[in-house]
Amino acid sequence: MSASSASKSWKEEALLHDGSKIMVVRHFNLGPPTLESREQKELDETVSFALPGSNKKIIWRTEFNDSIPDPNDLSILLLDIVKGTP
């Protein structure tokens, strides 16, 4: 994992239902630290991976929306690819 004042990102290996594995990259852009804490709020998130057996890259992205009180995240708990469809 790498982190700086502006972003953080890491790679995760995901095991698919057929036993194959893919590499998933997660990236967050961060806002400035808040007055209440020294933590930086995640402004947006990008999750990307390549479809197995192809050169097609899938990118899922959220965008910053300050009118939503909850974090702007994808909250991915499970990822699988069935017949070429994530």
N, C-alpha and C. Protein backbone atom coordinates (compact mmCIF):
# COMPACT_ATOMS: atom_id res chain seq x y z
N MET A 1 0.85 -1.17 0.00
CA MET A 1 0.00 0.00 0.00
C MET A 1 0.89 1.23 0.00
N SER A 2 0.49 2.23 -0.75
CA SER A 2 1.20 3.50 -0.72
C SER A 2 0.21 4.58 -0.31
N ALA A 3 0.69 5.55 0.43
CA ALA A 3 -0.19 6.63 0.87
C ALA A 3 0.57 7.94 0.84
N SER A 4 -0.13 8.99 0.50
CA SER A 4 0.44 10.33 0.52
C SER A 4 -0.65 11.27 0.99
N SER A 5 -0.38 12.57 0.93
CA SER A 5 -1.37 13.53 1.39
C SER A 5 -2.53 13.65 0.41
N ALA A 6 -2.41 13.08 -0.78
CA ALA A 6 -3.45 13.26 -1.79
C ALA A 6 -4.16 11.98 -2.19
N SER A 7 -3.56 10.81 -1.95
CA SER A 7 -4.20 9.57 -2.40
C SER A 7 -3.64 8.37 -1.65
N LYS A 8 -4.34 7.25 -1.82
CA LYS A 8 -3.82 5.97 -1.34
C LYS A 8 -4.29 4.91 -2.31
N SER A 9 -3.48 3.88 -2.50
CA SER A 9 -3.86 2.81 -3.41
C SER A 9 -3.17 1.52 -3.01
N TRP A 10 -3.76 0.42 -3.45
CA TRP A 10 -3.15 -0.90 -3.22
C TRP A 10 -3.73 -1.88 -4.21
N LYS A 11 -3.04 -3.03 -4.30
CA LYS A 11 -3.47 -4.12 -5.16
C LYS A 11 -3.92 -5.28 -4.29
N GLU A 12 -4.95 -5.97 -4.76
CA GLU A 12 -5.47 -7.15 -4.07
C GLU A 12 -5.64 -8.26 -5.09
N GLU A 13 -5.29 -9.47 -4.72
CA GLU A 13 -5.53 -10.61 -5.58
C GLU A 13 -6.91 -11.16 -5.25
N ALA A 14 -7.75 -11.34 -6.28
CA ALA A 14 -9.10 -11.86 -6.08
C ALA A 14 -9.20 -13.25 -6.67
N LEU A 15 -9.70 -14.19 -5.88
CA LEU A 15 -9.91 -15.56 -6.32
C LEU A 15 -11.31 -15.66 -6.90
N LEU A 16 -11.40 -16.11 -8.16
CA LEU A 16 -12.69 -16.24 -8.84
C LEU A 16 -13.28 -17.63 -8.60
N HIS A 17 -14.56 -17.80 -8.90
CA HIS A 17 -15.26 -19.06 -8.63
C HIS A 17 -14.64 -20.26 -9.35
N ASP A 18 -13.98 -20.02 -10.48
CA ASP A 18 -13.39 -21.13 -11.24
C ASP A 18 -11.97 -21.45 -10.80
N GLY A 19 -11.48 -20.79 -9.76
CA GLY A 19 -10.14 -21.03 -9.25
C GLY A 19 -9.07 -20.13 -9.82
N SER A 20 -9.40 -19.36 -10.86
CA SER A 20 -8.42 -18.43 -11.42
C SER A 20 -8.34 -17.19 -10.53
N LYS A 21 -7.29 -16.41 -10.74
CA LYS A 21 -7.09 -15.21 -9.93
C LYS A 21 -6.90 -14.01 -10.83
N ILE A 22 -7.34 -12.85 -10.34
CA ILE A 22 -7.09 -11.59 -11.03
C ILE A 22 -6.52 -10.60 -10.02
N MET A 23 -5.82 -9.61 -10.54
CA MET A 23 -5.28 -8.56 -9.70
C MET A 23 -6.22 -7.35 -9.78
N VAL A 24 -6.65 -6.88 -8.63
CA VAL A 24 -7.57 -5.74 -8.55
C VAL A 24 -6.82 -4.57 -7.93
N VAL A 25 -6.91 -3.41 -8.55
CA VAL A 25 -6.26 -2.20 -8.05
C VAL A 25 -7.33 -1.28 -7.49
N ARG A 26 -7.14 -0.84 -6.24
CA ARG A 26 -8.05 0.12 -5.61
C ARG A 26 -7.28 1.43 -5.39
N HIS A 27 -7.92 2.53 -5.71
CA HIS A 27 -7.29 3.85 -5.58
C HIS A 27 -8.31 4.82 -5.00
N PHE A 28 -7.88 5.59 -4.01
CA PHE A 28 -8.71 6.62 -3.39
C PHE A 28 -8.02 7.96 -3.49
N ASN A 29 -8.74 9.01 -3.87
CA ASN A 29 -8.26 10.39 -3.74
C ASN A 29 -8.76 10.90 -2.40
N LEU A 30 -7.89 11.61 -1.69
CA LEU A 30 -8.21 12.06 -0.34
C LEU A 30 -8.35 13.57 -0.27
N GLY A 31 -9.24 14.02 0.61
CA GLY A 31 -9.40 15.44 0.86
C GLY A 31 -8.48 15.87 1.98
N PRO A 32 -8.52 17.13 2.34
CA PRO A 32 -7.66 17.61 3.43
C PRO A 32 -8.12 17.06 4.78
N PRO A 33 -7.23 17.01 5.76
CA PRO A 33 -7.63 16.56 7.10
C PRO A 33 -8.73 17.46 7.66
N THR A 34 -9.64 16.86 8.44
CA THR A 34 -10.72 17.65 9.04
C THR A 34 -10.24 18.26 10.35
N LEU A 35 -10.97 19.24 10.85
CA LEU A 35 -10.63 19.87 12.12
C LEU A 35 -10.86 18.92 13.29
N GLU A 36 -11.86 18.02 13.17
CA GLU A 36 -12.20 17.10 14.24
C GLU A 36 -11.15 15.99 14.41
N SER A 37 -10.52 15.61 13.33
CA SER A 37 -9.53 14.53 13.40
C SER A 37 -8.44 14.80 12.37
N ARG A 38 -7.40 14.04 12.46
CA ARG A 38 -6.30 14.20 11.50
C ARG A 38 -6.49 13.32 10.27
N GLU A 39 -7.60 12.57 10.25
CA GLU A 39 -7.85 11.67 9.12
C GLU A 39 -8.32 12.46 7.90
N GLN A 40 -7.96 11.93 6.74
CA GLN A 40 -8.39 12.54 5.49
C GLN A 40 -9.59 11.76 4.95
N LYS A 41 -10.61 12.46 4.51
CA LYS A 41 -11.80 11.84 3.96
C LYS A 41 -11.54 11.34 2.55
N GLU A 42 -12.05 10.14 2.25
CA GLU A 42 -11.94 9.61 0.89
C GLU A 42 -12.95 10.34 0.01
N LEU A 43 -12.45 11.01 -1.03
CA LEU A 43 -13.32 11.78 -1.91
C LEU A 43 -13.93 10.94 -3.02
N ASP A 44 -13.12 10.06 -3.59
CA ASP A 44 -13.61 9.19 -4.64
C ASP A 44 -12.79 7.91 -4.65
N GLU A 45 -13.29 6.92 -5.36
CA GLU A 45 -12.65 5.62 -5.40
C GLU A 45 -12.66 5.08 -6.82
N THR A 46 -11.59 4.38 -7.21
CA THR A 46 -11.52 3.69 -8.48
C THR A 46 -11.08 2.25 -8.21
N VAL A 47 -11.81 1.31 -8.80
CA VAL A 47 -11.45 -0.11 -8.74
C VAL A 47 -11.27 -0.55 -10.19
N SER A 48 -10.11 -1.16 -10.49
CA SER A 48 -9.86 -1.59 -11.86
C SER A 48 -9.24 -2.98 -11.88
N PHE A 49 -9.52 -3.71 -12.96
CA PHE A 49 -8.98 -5.05 -13.17
C PHE A 49 -9.14 -5.42 -14.64
N ALA A 50 -8.37 -6.40 -15.08
CA ALA A 50 -8.45 -6.88 -16.46
C ALA A 50 -9.30 -8.14 -16.49
N LEU A 51 -10.13 -8.25 -17.54
CA LEU A 51 -10.91 -9.46 -17.71
C LEU A 51 -9.97 -10.59 -18.12
N PRO A 52 -10.07 -11.75 -17.48
CA PRO A 52 -9.20 -12.87 -17.84
C PRO A 52 -9.38 -13.27 -19.31
N GLY A 53 -8.26 -13.56 -19.97
CA GLY A 53 -8.31 -14.00 -21.35
C GLY A 53 -8.55 -12.90 -22.36
N SER A 54 -8.47 -11.65 -21.93
CA SER A 54 -8.67 -10.54 -22.87
C SER A 54 -7.78 -9.37 -22.44
N ASN A 55 -7.73 -8.37 -23.29
CA ASN A 55 -6.99 -7.15 -22.95
C ASN A 55 -7.93 -6.06 -22.44
N LYS A 56 -9.18 -6.43 -22.17
CA LYS A 56 -10.17 -5.44 -21.74
C LYS A 56 -10.00 -5.12 -20.26
N LYS A 57 -9.87 -3.84 -19.97
CA LYS A 57 -9.74 -3.38 -18.59
C LYS A 57 -11.08 -2.81 -18.12
N ILE A 58 -11.51 -3.26 -16.96
CA ILE A 58 -12.75 -2.78 -16.36
C ILE A 58 -12.39 -1.73 -15.31
N ILE A 59 -13.07 -0.60 -15.33
CA ILE A 59 -12.83 0.46 -14.36
C ILE A 59 -14.17 0.88 -13.78
N TRP A 60 -14.29 0.75 -12.46
CA TRP A 60 -15.46 1.24 -11.75
C TRP A 60 -15.00 2.45 -10.94
N ARG A 61 -15.75 3.54 -11.01
CA ARG A 61 -15.31 4.78 -10.37
C ARG A 61 -16.48 5.50 -9.71
N THR A 62 -16.24 6.02 -8.54
CA THR A 62 -17.19 6.93 -7.91
C THR A 62 -16.62 8.34 -8.04
N GLU A 63 -17.47 9.32 -7.97
CA GLU A 63 -17.01 10.70 -8.02
C GLU A 63 -17.44 11.41 -6.75
N PHE A 64 -16.70 12.41 -6.37
CA PHE A 64 -16.99 13.17 -5.16
C PHE A 64 -18.35 13.83 -5.28
N ASN A 65 -19.15 13.72 -4.22
CA ASN A 65 -20.46 14.36 -4.15
C ASN A 65 -20.68 14.80 -2.71
N ASP A 66 -20.47 16.07 -2.43
CA ASP A 66 -20.56 16.54 -1.04
C ASP A 66 -22.00 16.67 -0.54
N SER A 67 -22.99 16.42 -1.39
CA SER A 67 -24.38 16.46 -0.93
C SER A 67 -24.81 15.13 -0.31
N ILE A 68 -23.95 14.10 -0.43
CA ILE A 68 -24.23 12.79 0.17
C ILE A 68 -23.45 12.70 1.48
N PRO A 69 -24.14 12.49 2.61
CA PRO A 69 -23.44 12.48 3.90
C PRO A 69 -22.55 11.25 4.10
N ASP A 70 -22.87 10.12 3.46
CA ASP A 70 -22.08 8.90 3.61
C ASP A 70 -20.86 8.94 2.70
N PRO A 71 -19.85 8.12 2.98
CA PRO A 71 -18.67 8.09 2.12
C PRO A 71 -19.04 7.74 0.68
N ASN A 72 -18.29 8.29 -0.24
CA ASN A 72 -18.50 8.03 -1.66
C ASN A 72 -17.67 6.81 -2.06
N ASP A 73 -18.06 5.61 -1.58
CA ASP A 73 -17.25 4.44 -1.88
C ASP A 73 -18.07 3.37 -2.59
N LEU A 74 -17.37 2.43 -3.18
CA LEU A 74 -18.02 1.35 -3.91
C LEU A 74 -18.44 0.21 -3.00
N SER A 75 -17.82 0.07 -1.84
CA SER A 75 -18.17 -0.97 -0.87
C SER A 75 -18.23 -2.36 -1.49
N ILE A 76 -17.22 -2.71 -2.24
CA ILE A 76 -17.19 -4.02 -2.88
C ILE A 76 -16.80 -5.07 -1.85
N LEU A 77 -17.66 -6.06 -1.69
CA LEU A 77 -17.39 -7.16 -0.77
C LEU A 77 -17.02 -8.43 -1.52
N LEU A 78 -17.51 -8.59 -2.74
CA LEU A 78 -17.30 -9.79 -3.52
C LEU A 78 -17.16 -9.41 -4.98
N LEU A 79 -16.20 -10.03 -5.66
CA LEU A 79 -16.01 -9.78 -7.09
C LEU A 79 -15.85 -11.12 -7.77
N ASP A 80 -16.57 -11.33 -8.86
CA ASP A 80 -16.43 -12.54 -9.65
C ASP A 80 -16.71 -12.19 -11.10
N ILE A 81 -16.28 -13.04 -11.99
CA ILE A 81 -16.50 -12.86 -13.42
C ILE A 81 -17.09 -14.17 -13.93
N VAL A 82 -18.30 -14.09 -14.51
CA VAL A 82 -18.98 -15.26 -15.04
C VAL A 82 -19.26 -15.04 -16.51
N LYS A 83 -18.74 -15.90 -17.35
CA LYS A 83 -18.91 -15.81 -18.81
C LYS A 83 -18.53 -14.44 -19.33
N GLY A 84 -17.43 -13.88 -18.82
CA GLY A 84 -16.91 -12.60 -19.28
C GLY A 84 -17.59 -11.38 -18.72
N THR A 85 -18.54 -11.57 -17.80
CA THR A 85 -19.26 -10.44 -17.19
C THR A 85 -18.92 -10.31 -15.73
N PRO A 86 -18.38 -9.14 -15.33
CA PRO A 86 -18.08 -8.94 -13.90
C PRO A 86 -19.35 -8.78 -13.08
